[in-house]
């Protein structure tokens, strides 16, 4: 996974979400958040529908916790969202 090398070069902490702890992502992540999906929700059971939803929910919760812990402000958020609908709301 090329993105892993990019993260390492930038000194970023790599948080991996995977079911397979022995996967390249699992082995190379600084922090692994394991997930286990018994069955995907699409009719074929092949598309990563349920696992995608779980991953998004996990990172949404992590982001919310980090915002509270670090005291991240609307003003700081506005700096990285100068345009678009979010930027318009934040930068009035």
N, C-alpha and C. Protein backbone atom coordinates (compact mmCIF):
# COMPACT_ATOMS: atom_id res chain seq x y z
N UNK A 1 0.83 -1.18 0.00
CA UNK A 1 0.00 0.00 0.00
C UNK A 1 0.88 1.25 0.00
N UNK A 2 0.96 1.95 -1.12
CA UNK A 2 1.83 3.13 -1.22
C UNK A 2 1.54 4.22 -0.20
N UNK A 3 0.30 4.37 0.22
CA UNK A 3 -0.04 5.43 1.17
C UNK A 3 0.68 5.24 2.50
N UNK A 4 0.99 4.00 2.85
CA UNK A 4 1.71 3.73 4.10
C UNK A 4 3.08 4.39 4.08
N UNK A 5 3.77 4.28 2.94
CA UNK A 5 5.08 4.92 2.82
C UNK A 5 4.98 6.44 2.92
N UNK A 6 3.93 7.00 2.34
CA UNK A 6 3.72 8.45 2.41
C UNK A 6 3.51 8.87 3.87
N UNK A 7 2.69 8.13 4.59
CA UNK A 7 2.44 8.43 6.00
C UNK A 7 3.73 8.35 6.81
N UNK A 8 4.52 7.31 6.56
CA UNK A 8 5.78 7.15 7.28
C UNK A 8 6.74 8.30 7.00
N UNK A 9 6.84 8.72 5.75
CA UNK A 9 7.74 9.82 5.39
C UNK A 9 7.32 11.13 6.04
N UNK A 10 6.02 11.31 6.22
CA UNK A 10 5.52 12.54 6.83
C UNK A 10 5.51 12.46 8.36
N UNK A 11 5.86 11.31 8.90
CA UNK A 11 5.87 11.15 10.36
C UNK A 11 4.48 11.05 10.96
N UNK A 12 3.51 10.72 10.14
CA UNK A 12 2.13 10.61 10.62
C UNK A 12 1.94 9.30 11.37
N UNK A 13 1.07 9.32 12.36
CA UNK A 13 0.68 8.09 13.03
C UNK A 13 -0.35 7.42 12.15
N UNK A 14 -0.08 6.19 11.78
CA UNK A 14 -0.99 5.47 10.88
C UNK A 14 -1.95 4.62 11.70
N UNK A 15 -3.23 4.94 11.59
CA UNK A 15 -4.28 4.18 12.26
C UNK A 15 -4.94 3.32 11.20
N UNK A 16 -4.83 2.02 11.36
CA UNK A 16 -5.42 1.09 10.40
C UNK A 16 -6.67 0.45 10.95
N UNK A 17 -7.66 0.30 10.09
CA UNK A 17 -8.88 -0.41 10.44
C UNK A 17 -8.95 -1.62 9.54
N UNK A 18 -8.91 -2.80 10.14
CA UNK A 18 -8.88 -4.01 9.34
C UNK A 18 -9.43 -5.19 10.13
N UNK A 19 -9.93 -6.15 9.41
CA UNK A 19 -10.35 -7.40 10.03
C UNK A 19 -9.17 -8.36 10.14
N UNK A 20 -8.21 -8.20 9.23
CA UNK A 20 -7.06 -9.10 9.17
C UNK A 20 -5.83 -8.42 9.75
N UNK A 21 -5.50 -8.74 10.98
CA UNK A 21 -4.36 -8.12 11.65
C UNK A 21 -3.03 -8.48 10.99
N UNK A 22 -3.01 -9.54 10.20
CA UNK A 22 -1.80 -9.97 9.51
C UNK A 22 -1.68 -9.39 8.10
N UNK A 23 -2.63 -8.55 7.71
CA UNK A 23 -2.58 -7.90 6.39
C UNK A 23 -1.45 -6.87 6.38
N UNK A 24 -1.02 -6.42 5.19
CA UNK A 24 0.00 -5.36 5.15
C UNK A 24 -0.40 -4.13 5.97
N UNK A 25 -1.67 -3.74 5.90
CA UNK A 25 -2.14 -2.59 6.68
C UNK A 25 -2.04 -2.89 8.18
N UNK A 26 -2.49 -4.06 8.58
CA UNK A 26 -2.44 -4.43 9.99
C UNK A 26 -1.03 -4.47 10.54
N UNK A 27 -0.11 -5.00 9.75
CA UNK A 27 1.28 -5.13 10.19
C UNK A 27 2.02 -3.79 10.24
N UNK A 28 1.68 -2.88 9.34
CA UNK A 28 2.43 -1.63 9.22
C UNK A 28 1.79 -0.45 9.95
N UNK A 29 0.61 -0.63 10.51
CA UNK A 29 -0.06 0.46 11.22
C UNK A 29 0.56 0.66 12.59
N UNK A 30 0.61 1.92 13.03
CA UNK A 30 1.06 2.22 14.38
C UNK A 30 -0.01 1.81 15.40
N UNK A 31 -1.25 2.02 15.01
CA UNK A 31 -2.40 1.65 15.84
C UNK A 31 -3.35 0.88 14.94
N UNK A 32 -3.81 -0.28 15.41
CA UNK A 32 -4.77 -1.07 14.63
C UNK A 32 -6.09 -1.10 15.40
N UNK A 33 -7.15 -0.73 14.70
CA UNK A 33 -8.50 -0.83 15.24
C UNK A 33 -9.16 -2.00 14.53
N UNK A 34 -9.22 -3.15 15.18
CA UNK A 34 -9.78 -4.32 14.50
C UNK A 34 -11.31 -4.26 14.43
N UNK A 35 -11.83 -4.66 13.29
CA UNK A 35 -13.28 -4.77 13.14
C UNK A 35 -13.59 -6.18 12.66
N UNK A 36 -14.75 -6.66 13.00
CA UNK A 36 -15.20 -7.98 12.55
C UNK A 36 -16.63 -7.84 12.07
N UNK A 37 -16.82 -8.04 10.80
CA UNK A 37 -18.15 -7.97 10.21
C UNK A 37 -18.58 -9.40 9.88
N UNK A 38 -19.67 -9.83 10.46
CA UNK A 38 -20.13 -11.20 10.22
C UNK A 38 -20.67 -11.38 8.81
N UNK A 39 -21.37 -10.34 8.32
CA UNK A 39 -21.99 -10.45 6.99
C UNK A 39 -22.17 -9.06 6.42
N UNK A 40 -21.80 -8.88 5.16
CA UNK A 40 -22.06 -7.61 4.49
C UNK A 40 -23.56 -7.51 4.22
N UNK A 41 -24.05 -6.29 4.09
CA UNK A 41 -25.50 -6.09 4.02
C UNK A 41 -26.09 -6.16 2.62
N UNK A 42 -25.24 -6.22 1.59
CA UNK A 42 -25.81 -6.29 0.24
C UNK A 42 -26.29 -7.72 -0.04
N UNK A 43 -27.18 -7.90 -1.02
CA UNK A 43 -27.74 -9.23 -1.30
C UNK A 43 -26.70 -10.30 -1.64
N UNK A 44 -25.58 -9.91 -2.24
CA UNK A 44 -24.56 -10.91 -2.59
C UNK A 44 -23.62 -11.20 -1.43
N UNK A 45 -23.57 -10.32 -0.44
CA UNK A 45 -22.66 -10.49 0.68
C UNK A 45 -21.21 -10.22 0.32
N UNK A 46 -21.00 -9.58 -0.83
CA UNK A 46 -19.64 -9.36 -1.32
C UNK A 46 -19.19 -7.91 -1.26
N UNK A 47 -20.12 -6.99 -1.35
CA UNK A 47 -19.75 -5.57 -1.36
C UNK A 47 -19.52 -5.10 0.08
N UNK A 48 -18.53 -4.29 0.28
CA UNK A 48 -18.15 -3.85 1.63
C UNK A 48 -19.10 -2.77 2.16
N UNK A 49 -20.36 -3.09 2.23
CA UNK A 49 -21.35 -2.12 2.68
C UNK A 49 -21.33 -1.96 4.20
N UNK A 50 -21.53 -3.03 4.92
CA UNK A 50 -21.55 -2.97 6.39
C UNK A 50 -20.19 -2.57 6.94
N UNK A 51 -19.13 -3.12 6.39
CA UNK A 51 -17.79 -2.78 6.89
C UNK A 51 -17.46 -1.32 6.63
N UNK A 52 -17.94 -0.77 5.52
CA UNK A 52 -17.73 0.66 5.23
C UNK A 52 -18.45 1.51 6.27
N UNK A 53 -19.68 1.17 6.58
CA UNK A 53 -20.46 1.93 7.56
C UNK A 53 -19.81 1.87 8.94
N UNK A 54 -19.34 0.70 9.34
CA UNK A 54 -18.67 0.54 10.63
C UNK A 54 -17.39 1.38 10.67
N UNK A 55 -16.62 1.36 9.59
CA UNK A 55 -15.37 2.13 9.54
C UNK A 55 -15.64 3.63 9.63
N UNK A 56 -16.64 4.10 8.90
CA UNK A 56 -16.98 5.53 8.94
C UNK A 56 -17.45 5.91 10.35
N UNK A 57 -18.28 5.08 10.97
CA UNK A 57 -18.76 5.37 12.32
C UNK A 57 -17.61 5.39 13.32
N UNK A 58 -16.67 4.48 13.16
CA UNK A 58 -15.51 4.41 14.04
C UNK A 58 -14.67 5.69 13.95
N UNK A 59 -14.38 6.13 12.73
CA UNK A 59 -13.58 7.34 12.56
C UNK A 59 -14.36 8.60 12.94
N UNK A 60 -15.67 8.59 12.77
CA UNK A 60 -16.49 9.72 13.21
C UNK A 60 -16.40 9.87 14.73
N UNK A 61 -16.50 8.75 15.43
CA UNK A 61 -16.39 8.78 16.90
C UNK A 61 -14.99 9.21 17.33
N UNK A 62 -13.96 8.71 16.65
CA UNK A 62 -12.58 9.09 16.95
C UNK A 62 -12.37 10.59 16.73
N UNK A 63 -12.87 11.10 15.62
CA UNK A 63 -12.75 12.53 15.32
C UNK A 63 -13.45 13.38 16.38
N UNK A 64 -14.65 12.98 16.76
CA UNK A 64 -15.39 13.74 17.78
C UNK A 64 -14.63 13.76 19.10
N UNK A 65 -14.06 12.64 19.49
CA UNK A 65 -13.29 12.57 20.73
C UNK A 65 -12.05 13.45 20.65
N UNK A 66 -11.38 13.46 19.50
CA UNK A 66 -10.18 14.29 19.34
C UNK A 66 -10.51 15.78 19.38
N UNK A 67 -11.65 16.16 18.79
CA UNK A 67 -12.07 17.56 18.83
C UNK A 67 -12.27 18.01 20.27
N UNK A 68 -12.93 17.18 21.06
CA UNK A 68 -13.16 17.52 22.47
C UNK A 68 -11.84 17.55 23.24
N UNK A 69 -11.02 16.53 23.06
CA UNK A 69 -9.76 16.43 23.82
C UNK A 69 -8.79 17.56 23.51
N UNK A 70 -8.71 17.96 22.24
CA UNK A 70 -7.74 18.98 21.84
C UNK A 70 -8.30 20.40 21.91
N UNK A 71 -9.61 20.54 22.06
CA UNK A 71 -10.21 21.87 22.09
C UNK A 71 -10.23 22.54 20.72
N UNK A 72 -10.24 21.73 19.67
CA UNK A 72 -10.26 22.24 18.29
C UNK A 72 -11.46 23.15 18.09
N UNK A 73 -11.24 24.33 17.53
CA UNK A 73 -12.29 25.35 17.45
C UNK A 73 -12.89 25.46 16.05
N UNK A 74 -14.03 26.12 15.99
CA UNK A 74 -14.66 26.42 14.70
C UNK A 74 -13.75 27.29 13.85
N UNK A 75 -13.03 28.19 14.50
CA UNK A 75 -12.11 29.07 13.76
C UNK A 75 -10.99 28.26 13.10
N UNK A 76 -10.44 27.30 13.83
CA UNK A 76 -9.41 26.43 13.25
C UNK A 76 -9.98 25.62 12.09
N UNK A 77 -11.18 25.12 12.26
CA UNK A 77 -11.83 24.34 11.21
C UNK A 77 -12.06 25.21 9.99
N UNK A 78 -12.45 26.46 10.21
CA UNK A 78 -12.70 27.39 9.12
C UNK A 78 -11.46 27.67 8.29
N UNK A 79 -10.28 27.63 8.91
CA UNK A 79 -9.03 27.88 8.18
C UNK A 79 -8.78 26.84 7.09
N UNK A 80 -9.21 25.61 7.34
CA UNK A 80 -8.98 24.55 6.34
C UNK A 80 -10.20 24.33 5.44
N UNK A 81 -11.24 25.11 5.65
CA UNK A 81 -12.43 25.07 4.81
C UNK A 81 -12.78 26.49 4.36
N UNK A 82 -11.94 27.09 3.52
CA UNK A 82 -12.19 28.48 3.14
C UNK A 82 -13.36 28.68 2.19
N UNK A 83 -13.80 27.64 1.51
CA UNK A 83 -14.88 27.79 0.55
C UNK A 83 -15.95 26.73 0.73
N UNK A 84 -16.87 26.70 -0.19
CA UNK A 84 -17.95 25.72 -0.14
C UNK A 84 -18.96 26.05 0.94
N UNK A 85 -19.94 25.18 1.08
CA UNK A 85 -21.02 25.41 2.04
C UNK A 85 -20.50 25.44 3.47
N UNK A 86 -19.59 24.52 3.80
CA UNK A 86 -19.04 24.49 5.16
C UNK A 86 -18.24 25.76 5.43
N UNK A 87 -17.42 26.15 4.48
CA UNK A 87 -16.63 27.37 4.63
C UNK A 87 -17.49 28.61 4.81
N UNK A 88 -18.59 28.68 4.07
CA UNK A 88 -19.48 29.83 4.20
C UNK A 88 -20.09 29.90 5.59
N UNK A 89 -20.45 28.76 6.15
CA UNK A 89 -21.02 28.75 7.50
C UNK A 89 -19.98 29.12 8.56
N UNK A 90 -18.76 28.62 8.38
CA UNK A 90 -17.72 28.83 9.38
C UNK A 90 -17.07 30.20 9.32
N UNK A 91 -17.02 30.78 8.14
CA UNK A 91 -16.25 32.01 7.94
C UNK A 91 -17.12 33.23 7.69
N UNK A 92 -18.27 33.31 8.32
CA UNK A 92 -19.16 34.46 8.17
C UNK A 92 -18.55 35.67 8.83
